[in-house]
Amino acid sequence: MSIQSVEQTWQMKAACRGPQAEIFFPPAHFERKEEKLQRENRAKDICTTCSVRRACLNYAFRIREPHGIWGGLSESERKQALSRLN
């Protein structure tokens, strides 16, 4: 199985698929800090129920994803985690 096939497999099982996916990324319009925190917390709540959370987070680390909630971590949380590993 190719790497792309494996990635597509976990993505198909992700709890974030569907109409709620938009809360995992910042909106196109201005977002107040408290609105951002609420949106991110809702996304992270979905992540806690996800069976492919680890694969998602590993993917975000591997590609250095700069935006959104991946595997239950925000952009800044992933950046902090990567800096601790280096």
PDB file of N, CA and C in Angstrom:
ATOM      1  N   MET A   1       0.854  -1.181   0.000  1.00  0.00           N
ATOM      2  CA  MET A   1       0.000   0.000   0.000  1.00  0.00           C
ATOM      3  C   MET A   1       0.901   1.247   0.000  1.00  0.00           C
ATOM      4  N   SER A   2       0.600   2.205  -0.838  1.00  0.00           N
ATOM      5  CA  SER A   2       1.412   3.416  -0.926  1.00  0.00           C
ATOM      6  C   SER A   2       1.153   4.328   0.266  1.00  0.00           C
ATOM      7  N   ILE A   3       2.088   5.260   0.492  1.00  0.00           N
ATOM      8  CA  ILE A   3       1.924   6.233   1.585  1.00  0.00           C
ATOM      9  C   ILE A   3       0.649   7.023   1.388  1.00  0.00           C
ATOM     10  N   GLN A   4       0.371   7.423   0.156  1.00  0.00           N
ATOM     11  CA  GLN A   4      -0.840   8.192  -0.118  1.00  0.00           C
ATOM     12  C   GLN A   4      -2.081   7.387   0.250  1.00  0.00           C
ATOM     13  N   SER A   5      -2.103   6.095  -0.035  1.00  0.00           N
ATOM     14  CA  SER A   5      -3.249   5.254   0.294  1.00  0.00           C
ATOM     15  C   SER A   5      -3.453   5.176   1.794  1.00  0.00           C
ATOM     16  N   VAL A   6      -2.361   5.039   2.553  1.00  0.00           N
ATOM     17  CA  VAL A   6      -2.448   4.994   4.010  1.00  0.00           C
ATOM     18  C   VAL A   6      -3.014   6.301   4.534  1.00  0.00           C
ATOM     19  N   GLU A   7      -2.522   7.424   4.012  1.00  0.00           N
ATOM     20  CA  GLU A   7      -3.015   8.725   4.459  1.00  0.00           C
ATOM     21  C   GLU A   7      -4.485   8.889   4.135  1.00  0.00           C
ATOM     22  N   GLN A   8      -4.909   8.465   2.966  1.00  0.00           N
ATOM     23  CA  GLN A   8      -6.311   8.572   2.606  1.00  0.00           C
ATOM     24  C   GLN A   8      -7.165   7.683   3.493  1.00  0.00           C
ATOM     25  N   THR A   9      -6.630   6.537   3.891  1.00  0.00           N
ATOM     26  CA  THR A   9      -7.381   5.622   4.744  1.00  0.00           C
ATOM     27  C   THR A   9      -7.685   6.270   6.096  1.00  0.00           C
ATOM     28  N   TRP A  10      -6.681   6.839   6.772  1.00  0.00           N
ATOM     29  CA  TRP A  10      -6.955   7.437   8.076  1.00  0.00           C
ATOM     30  C   TRP A  10      -7.847   8.657   7.917  1.00  0.00           C
ATOM     31  N   GLN A  11      -7.655   9.417   6.861  1.00  0.00           N
ATOM     32  CA  GLN A  11      -8.479  10.609   6.659  1.00  0.00           C
ATOM     33  C   GLN A  11      -9.944  10.245   6.470  1.00  0.00           C
ATOM     34  N   MET A  12     -10.215   9.114   5.847  1.00  0.00           N
ATOM     35  CA  MET A  12     -11.603   8.678   5.645  1.00  0.00           C
ATOM     36  C   MET A  12     -12.260   8.294   6.973  1.00  0.00           C
ATOM     37  N   LYS A  13     -11.453   7.926   7.967  1.00  0.00           N
ATOM     38  CA  LYS A  13     -11.977   7.516   9.270  1.00  0.00           C
ATOM     39  C   LYS A  13     -12.020   8.658  10.283  1.00  0.00           C
ATOM     40  N   ALA A  14     -11.563   9.829   9.909  1.00  0.00           N
ATOM     41  CA  ALA A  14     -11.437  10.960  10.839  1.00  0.00           C
ATOM     42  C   ALA A  14     -12.800  11.455  11.330  1.00  0.00           C
ATOM     43  N   ALA A  15     -12.864  11.736  12.615  1.00  0.00           N
ATOM     44  CA  ALA A  15     -14.099  12.235  13.229  1.00  0.00           C
ATOM     45  C   ALA A  15     -14.455  13.640  12.753  1.00  0.00           C
ATOM     46  N   CYS A  16     -13.495  14.343  12.194  1.00  0.00           N
ATOM     47  CA  CYS A  16     -13.725  15.721  11.761  1.00  0.00           C
ATOM     48  C   CYS A  16     -14.343  15.824  10.370  1.00  0.00           C
ATOM     49  N   ARG A  17     -14.490  14.717   9.677  1.00  0.00           N
ATOM     50  CA  ARG A  17     -15.075  14.751   8.330  1.00  0.00           C
ATOM     51  C   ARG A  17     -16.519  15.216   8.388  1.00  0.00           C
ATOM     52  N   GLY A  18     -16.911  15.966   7.396  1.00  0.00           N
ATOM     53  CA  GLY A  18     -18.293  16.412   7.320  1.00  0.00           C
ATOM     54  C   GLY A  18     -18.421  17.903   7.548  1.00  0.00           C
ATOM     55  N   PRO A  19     -19.637  18.370   7.787  1.00  0.00           N
ATOM     56  CA  PRO A  19     -19.893  19.812   7.875  1.00  0.00           C
ATOM     57  C   PRO A  19     -19.177  20.515   9.027  1.00  0.00           C
ATOM     58  N   GLN A  20     -18.846  19.797  10.084  1.00  0.00           N
ATOM     59  CA  GLN A  20     -18.158  20.414  11.220  1.00  0.00           C
ATOM     60  C   GLN A  20     -16.687  20.670  10.933  1.00  0.00           C
ATOM     61  N   ALA A  21     -16.169  20.215   9.817  1.00  0.00           N
ATOM     62  CA  ALA A  21     -14.744  20.358   9.487  1.00  0.00           C
ATOM     63  C   ALA A  21     -14.293  21.816   9.493  1.00  0.00           C
ATOM     64  N   GLU A  22     -15.179  22.740   9.215  1.00  0.00           N
ATOM     65  CA  GLU A  22     -14.793  24.153   9.152  1.00  0.00           C
ATOM     66  C   GLU A  22     -14.304  24.702  10.487  1.00  0.00           C
ATOM     67  N   ILE A  23     -14.697  24.106  11.606  1.00  0.00           N
ATOM     68  CA  ILE A  23     -14.245  24.638  12.899  1.00  0.00           C
ATOM     69  C   ILE A  23     -12.783  24.320  13.189  1.00  0.00           C
ATOM     70  N   PHE A  24     -12.168  23.472  12.378  1.00  0.00           N
ATOM     71  CA  PHE A  24     -10.776  23.103  12.583  1.00  0.00           C
ATOM     72  C   PHE A  24      -9.800  24.130  12.012  1.00  0.00           C
ATOM     73  N   PHE A  25     -10.322  25.088  11.265  1.00  0.00           N
ATOM     74  CA  PHE A  25      -9.484  26.113  10.632  1.00  0.00           C
ATOM     75  C   PHE A  25     -10.074  27.492  10.870  1.00  0.00           C
ATOM     76  N   PRO A  26      -9.220  28.523  10.926  1.00  0.00           N
ATOM     77  CA  PRO A  26      -9.730  29.874  11.143  1.00  0.00           C
ATOM     78  C   PRO A  26     -10.621  30.322   9.991  1.00  0.00           C
ATOM     79  N   PRO A  27     -11.631  31.122  10.305  1.00  0.00           N
ATOM     80  CA  PRO A  27     -12.511  31.628   9.246  1.00  0.00           C
ATOM     81  C   PRO A  27     -11.789  32.694   8.409  1.00  0.00           C
ATOM     82  N   ALA A  28     -12.363  33.008   7.278  1.00  0.00           N
ATOM     83  CA  ALA A  28     -11.788  34.021   6.385  1.00  0.00           C
ATOM     84  C   ALA A  28     -11.918  35.430   6.970  1.00  0.00           C
ATOM     85  N   HIS A  29     -12.868  35.611   7.875  1.00  0.00           N
ATOM     86  CA  HIS A  29     -13.078  36.925   8.497  1.00  0.00           C
ATOM     87  C   HIS A  29     -12.362  37.008   9.848  1.00  0.00           C
ATOM     88  N   PHE A  30     -12.287  38.217  10.390  1.00  0.00           N
ATOM     89  CA  PHE A  30     -11.644  38.428  11.690  1.00  0.00           C
ATOM     90  C   PHE A  30     -12.330  37.585  12.761  1.00  0.00           C
ATOM     91  N   GLU A  31     -11.523  37.051  13.644  1.00  0.00           N
ATOM     92  CA  GLU A  31     -12.032  36.212  14.725  1.00  0.00           C
ATOM     93  C   GLU A  31     -11.461  36.729  16.047  1.00  0.00           C
ATOM     94  N   ARG A  32     -12.339  37.088  16.967  1.00  0.00           N
ATOM     95  CA  ARG A  32     -11.882  37.543  18.283  1.00  0.00           C
ATOM     96  C   ARG A  32     -11.224  36.393  19.026  1.00  0.00           C
ATOM     97  N   LYS A  33     -10.358  36.755  19.977  1.00  0.00           N
ATOM     98  CA  LYS A  33      -9.610  35.737  20.718  1.00  0.00           C
ATOM     99  C   LYS A  33     -10.529  34.725  21.397  1.00  0.00           C
ATOM    100  N   GLU A  34     -11.598  35.208  22.054  1.00  0.00           N
ATOM    101  CA  GLU A  34     -12.505  34.286  22.752  1.00  0.00           C
ATOM    102  C   GLU A  34     -13.265  33.405  21.754  1.00  0.00           C
ATOM    103  N   GLU A  35     -13.576  33.933  20.570  1.00  0.00           N
ATOM    104  CA  GLU A  35     -14.232  33.133  19.534  1.00  0.00           C
ATOM    105  C   GLU A  35     -13.275  32.042  19.021  1.00  0.00           C
ATOM    106  N   LYS A  36     -12.016  32.419  18.853  1.00  0.00           N
ATOM    107  CA  LYS A  36     -11.008  31.455  18.406  1.00  0.00           C
ATOM    108  C   LYS A  36     -10.860  30.332  19.423  1.00  0.00           C
ATOM    109  N   LEU A  37     -10.762  30.687  20.693  1.00  0.00           N
ATOM    110  CA  LEU A  37     -10.607  29.669  21.736  1.00  0.00           C
ATOM    111  C   LEU A  37     -11.808  28.735  21.785  1.00  0.00           C
ATOM    112  N   GLN A  38     -13.011  29.288  21.644  1.00  0.00           N
ATOM    113  CA  GLN A  38     -14.215  28.452  21.650  1.00  0.00           C
ATOM    114  C   GLN A  38     -14.234  27.516  20.448  1.00  0.00           C
ATOM    115  N   ARG A  39     -13.897  28.041  19.265  1.00  0.00           N
ATOM    116  CA  ARG A  39     -13.865  27.223  18.056  1.00  0.00           C
ATOM    117  C   ARG A  39     -12.828  26.108  18.203  1.00  0.00           C
ATOM    118  N   GLU A  40     -11.634  26.464  18.661  1.00  0.00           N
ATOM    119  CA  GLU A  40     -10.574  25.469  18.829  1.00  0.00           C
ATOM    120  C   GLU A  40     -10.956  24.414  19.860  1.00  0.00           C
ATOM    121  N   ASN A  41     -11.582  24.818  20.939  1.00  0.00           N
ATOM    122  CA  ASN A  41     -11.998  23.848  21.963  1.00  0.00           C
ATOM    123  C   ASN A  41     -13.059  22.891  21.429  1.00  0.00           C
ATOM    124  N   ARG A  42     -13.982  23.402  20.596  1.00  0.00           N
ATOM    125  CA  ARG A  42     -14.979  22.508  19.979  1.00  0.00           C
ATOM    126  C   ARG A  42     -14.285  21.491  19.073  1.00  0.00           C
ATOM    127  N   ALA A  43     -13.312  21.970  18.302  1.00  0.00           N
ATOM    128  CA  ALA A  43     -12.564  21.076  17.416  1.00  0.00           C
ATOM    129  C   ALA A  43     -11.797  20.031  18.230  1.00  0.00           C
ATOM    130  N   LYS A  44     -11.138  20.470  19.268  1.00  0.00           N
ATOM    131  CA  LYS A  44     -10.362  19.550  20.104  1.00  0.00           C
ATOM    132  C   LYS A  44     -11.261  18.512  20.781  1.00  0.00           C
ATOM    133  N   ASP A  45     -12.494  18.909  21.128  1.00  0.00           N
ATOM    134  CA  ASP A  45     -13.449  17.951  21.700  1.00  0.00           C
ATOM    135  C   ASP A  45     -13.747  16.841  20.703  1.00  0.00           C
ATOM    136  N   ILE A  46     -13.884  17.200  19.434  1.00  0.00           N
ATOM    137  CA  ILE A  46     -14.118  16.192  18.396  1.00  0.00           C
ATOM    138  C   ILE A  46     -12.893  15.290  18.289  1.00  0.00           C
ATOM    139  N   CYS A  47     -11.706  15.877  18.370  1.00  0.00           N
ATOM    140  CA  CYS A  47     -10.466  15.094  18.285  1.00  0.00           C
ATOM    141  C   CYS A  47     -10.392  14.029  19.384  1.00  0.00           C
ATOM    142  N   THR A  48     -10.893  14.335  20.567  1.00  0.00           N
ATOM    143  CA  THR A  48     -10.808  13.365  21.668  1.00  0.00           C
ATOM    144  C   THR A  48     -11.584  12.097  21.371  1.00  0.00           C
ATOM    145  N   THR A  49     -12.560  12.169  20.461  1.00  0.00           N
ATOM    146  CA  THR A  49     -13.367  10.994  20.123  1.00  0.00           C
ATOM    147  C   THR A  49     -12.843  10.264  18.900  1.00  0.00           C
ATOM    148  N   CYS A  50     -11.787  10.763  18.294  1.00  0.00           N
ATOM    149  CA  CYS A  50     -11.332  10.277  17.001  1.00  0.00           C
ATOM    150  C   CYS A  50     -10.403   9.072  17.117  1.00  0.00           C
ATOM    151  N   SER A  51     -10.702   8.040  16.342  1.00  0.00           N
ATOM    152  CA  SER A  51      -9.897   6.821  16.369  1.00  0.00           C
ATOM    153  C   SER A  51      -8.584   6.958  15.600  1.00  0.00           C
ATOM    154  N   VAL A  52      -8.436   8.012  14.794  1.00  0.00           N
ATOM    155  CA  VAL A  52      -7.207   8.193  14.006  1.00  0.00           C
ATOM    156  C   VAL A  52      -6.459   9.470  14.417  1.00  0.00           C
ATOM    157  N   ARG A  53      -6.672   9.874  15.633  1.00  0.00           N
ATOM    158  CA  ARG A  53      -6.051  11.107  16.138  1.00  0.00           C
ATOM    159  C   ARG A  53      -4.526  11.078  16.022  1.00  0.00           C
ATOM    160  N   ARG A  54      -3.900   9.978  16.401  1.00  0.00           N
ATOM    161  CA  ARG A  54      -2.434   9.861  16.359  1.00  0.00           C
ATOM    162  C   ARG A  54      -1.923   9.982  14.926  1.00  0.00           C
ATOM    163  N   ALA A  55      -2.568   9.306  13.986  1.00  0.00           N
ATOM    164  CA  ALA A  55      -2.153   9.389  12.578  1.00  0.00           C
ATOM    165  C   ALA A  55      -2.301  10.819  12.060  1.00  0.00           C
ATOM    166  N   CYS A  56      -3.341  11.478  12.463  1.00  0.00           N
ATOM    167  CA  CYS A  56      -3.587  12.864  12.063  1.00  0.00           C
ATOM    168  C   CYS A  56      -2.475  13.787  12.574  1.00  0.00           C
ATOM    169  N   LEU A  57      -2.157  13.646  13.840  1.00  0.00           N
ATOM    170  CA  LEU A  57      -1.113  14.477  14.441  1.00  0.00           C
ATOM    171  C   LEU A  57       0.247  14.179  13.809  1.00  0.00           C
ATOM    172  N   ASN A  58       0.551  12.914  13.593  1.00  0.00           N
ATOM    173  CA  ASN A  58       1.808  12.549  12.939  1.00  0.00           C
ATOM    174  C   ASN A  58       1.902  13.158  11.545  1.00  0.00           C
ATOM    175  N   TYR A  59       0.805  13.134  10.820  1.00  0.00           N
ATOM    176  CA  TYR A  59       0.752  13.729   9.483  1.00  0.00           C
ATOM    177  C   TYR A  59       1.043  15.228   9.554  1.00  0.00           C
ATOM    178  N   ALA A  60       0.394  15.911  10.488  1.00  0.00           N
ATOM    179  CA  ALA A  60       0.593  17.363  10.642  1.00  0.00           C
ATOM    180  C   ALA A  60       2.043  17.685  10.991  1.00  0.00           C
ATOM    181  N   PHE A  61       2.649  16.881  11.847  1.00  0.00           N
ATOM    182  CA  PHE A  61       4.064  17.075  12.183  1.00  0.00           C
ATOM    183  C   PHE A  61       4.944  16.833  10.952  1.00  0.00           C
ATOM    184  N   ARG A  62       4.668  15.754  10.236  1.00  0.00           N
ATOM    185  CA  ARG A  62       5.508  15.389   9.101  1.00  0.00           C
ATOM    186  C   ARG A  62       5.493  16.444   8.001  1.00  0.00           C
ATOM    187  N   ILE A  63       4.314  17.002   7.712  1.00  0.00           N
ATOM    188  CA  ILE A  63       4.239  17.991   6.631  1.00  0.00           C
ATOM    189  C   ILE A  63       4.398  19.425   7.148  1.00  0.00           C
ATOM    190  N   ARG A  64       4.598  19.546   8.470  1.00  0.00           N
ATOM    191  CA  ARG A  64       4.741  20.871   9.103  1.00  0.00           C
ATOM    192  C   ARG A  64       3.530  21.760   8.793  1.00  0.00           C
ATOM    193  N   GLU A  65       2.339  21.192   8.994  1.00  0.00           N
ATOM    194  CA  GLU A  65       1.085  21.897   8.714  1.00  0.00           C
ATOM    195  C   GLU A  65       1.023  23.182   9.542  1.00  0.00           C
ATOM    196  N   PRO A  66       0.920  24.345   8.883  1.00  0.00           N
ATOM    197  CA  PRO A  66       0.959  25.615   9.614  1.00  0.00           C
ATOM    198  C   PRO A  66      -0.402  26.119  10.102  1.00  0.00           C
ATOM    199  N   HIS A  67      -1.494  25.461   9.723  1.00  0.00           N
ATOM    200  CA  HIS A  67      -2.820  25.988  10.056  1.00  0.00           C
ATOM    201  C   HIS A  67      -3.725  24.911  10.645  1.00  0.00           C
ATOM    202  N   GLY A  68      -4.623  25.333  11.514  1.00  0.00           N
ATOM    203  CA  GLY A  68      -5.698  24.481  11.972  1.00  0.00           C
ATOM    204  C   GLY A  68      -5.366  23.556  13.132  1.00  0.00           C
ATOM    205  N   ILE A  69      -6.410  22.856  13.557  1.00  0.00           N
ATOM    206  CA  ILE A  69      -6.313  21.853  14.621  1.00  0.00           C
ATOM    207  C   ILE A  69      -6.112  20.501  13.940  1.00  0.00           C
ATOM    208  N   TRP A  70      -5.037  19.826  14.304  1.00  0.00           N
ATOM    209  CA  TRP A  70      -4.716  18.503  13.763  1.00  0.00           C
ATOM    210  C   TRP A  70      -4.337  17.603  14.932  1.00  0.00           C
ATOM    211  N   GLY A  71      -4.981  16.478  15.046  1.00  0.00           N
ATOM    212  CA  GLY A  71      -4.654  15.540  16.112  1.00  0.00           C
ATOM    213  C   GLY A  71      -4.848  16.110  17.504  1.00  0.00           C
ATOM    214  N   GLY A  72      -5.714  17.092  17.615  1.00  0.00           N
ATOM    215  CA  GLY A  72      -6.006  17.694  18.913  1.00  0.00           C
ATOM    216  C   GLY A  72      -5.095  18.835  19.317  1.00  0.00           C
ATOM    217  N   LEU A  73      -4.177  19.248  18.430  1.00  0.00           N
ATOM    218  CA  LEU A  73      -3.261  20.346  18.758  1.00  0.00           C
ATOM    219  C   LEU A  73      -3.420  21.501  17.777  1.00  0.00           C
ATOM    220  N   SER A  74      -3.301  22.706  18.293  1.00  0.00           N
ATOM    221  CA  SER A  74      -3.346  23.912  17.465  1.00  0.00           C
ATOM    222  C   SER A  74      -1.986  24.152  16.822  1.00  0.00           C
ATOM    223  N   GLU A  75      -1.927  25.164  15.972  1.00  0.00           N
ATOM    224  CA  GLU A  75      -0.668  25.516  15.313  1.00  0.00           C
ATOM    225  C   GLU A  75       0.434  25.773  16.330  1.00  0.00           C
ATOM    226  N   SER A  76       0.129  26.606  17.330  1.00  0.00           N
ATOM    227  CA  SER A  76       1.149  26.964  18.325  1.00  0.00           C
ATOM    228  C   SER A  76       1.534  25.769  19.194  1.00  0.00           C
ATOM    229  N   GLU A  77       0.582  24.913  19.510  1.00  0.00           N
ATOM    230  CA  GLU A  77       0.885  23.723  20.310  1.00  0.00           C
ATOM    231  C   GLU A  77       1.783  22.748  19.538  1.00  0.00           C
ATOM    232  N   ARG A  78       1.523  22.614  18.241  1.00  0.00           N
ATOM    233  CA  ARG A  78       2.390  21.745  17.424  1.00  0.00           C
ATOM    234  C   ARG A  78       3.783  22.337  17.312  1.00  0.00           C
ATOM    235  N   LYS A  79       3.859  23.647  17.146  1.00  0.00           N
ATOM    236  CA  LYS A  79       5.160  24.306  17.036  1.00  0.00           C
ATOM    237  C   LYS A  79       5.958  24.112  18.325  1.00  0.00           C
ATOM    238  N   GLN A  80       5.302  24.247  19.480  1.00  0.00           N
ATOM    239  CA  GLN A  80       5.968  24.038  20.765  1.00  0.00           C
ATOM    240  C   GLN A  80       6.448  22.595  20.904  1.00  0.00           C
ATOM    241  N   ALA A  81       5.608  21.655  20.522  1.00  0.00           N
ATOM    242  CA  ALA A  81       5.976  20.235  20.616  1.00  0.00           C
ATOM    243  C   ALA A  81       7.180  19.927  19.722  1.00  0.00           C
ATOM    244  N   LEU A  82       7.200  20.478  18.530  1.00  0.00           N
ATOM    245  CA  LEU A  82       8.335  20.256  17.630  1.00  0.00           C
ATOM    246  C   LEU A  82       9.618  20.874  18.168  1.00  0.00           C
ATOM    247  N   SER A  83       9.502  22.043  18.786  1.00  0.00           N
ATOM    248  CA  SER A  83      10.702  22.700  19.328  1.00  0.00           C
ATOM    249  C   SER A  83      11.276  21.902  20.492  1.00  0.00           C
ATOM    250  N   ARG A  84      10.429  21.211  21.252  1.00  0.00           N
ATOM    251  CA  ARG A  84      10.914  20.381  22.359  1.00  0.00           C
ATOM    252  C   ARG A  84      11.636  19.141  21.837  1.00  0.00           C
ATOM    253  N   LEU A  85      11.250  18.677  20.650  1.00  0.00           N
ATOM    254  CA  LEU A  85      11.890  17.493  20.072  1.00  0.00           C
ATOM    255  C   LEU A  85      13.245  17.796  19.452  1.00  0.00           C
ATOM    256  N   ASN A  86      13.428  19.023  19.053  1.00  0.00           N
ATOM    257  CA  ASN A  86      14.698  19.394  18.382  1.00  0.00           C
ATOM    258  C   ASN A  86      15.759  19.825  19.345  1.00  0.00           C
TER     259      ASN A  86
END
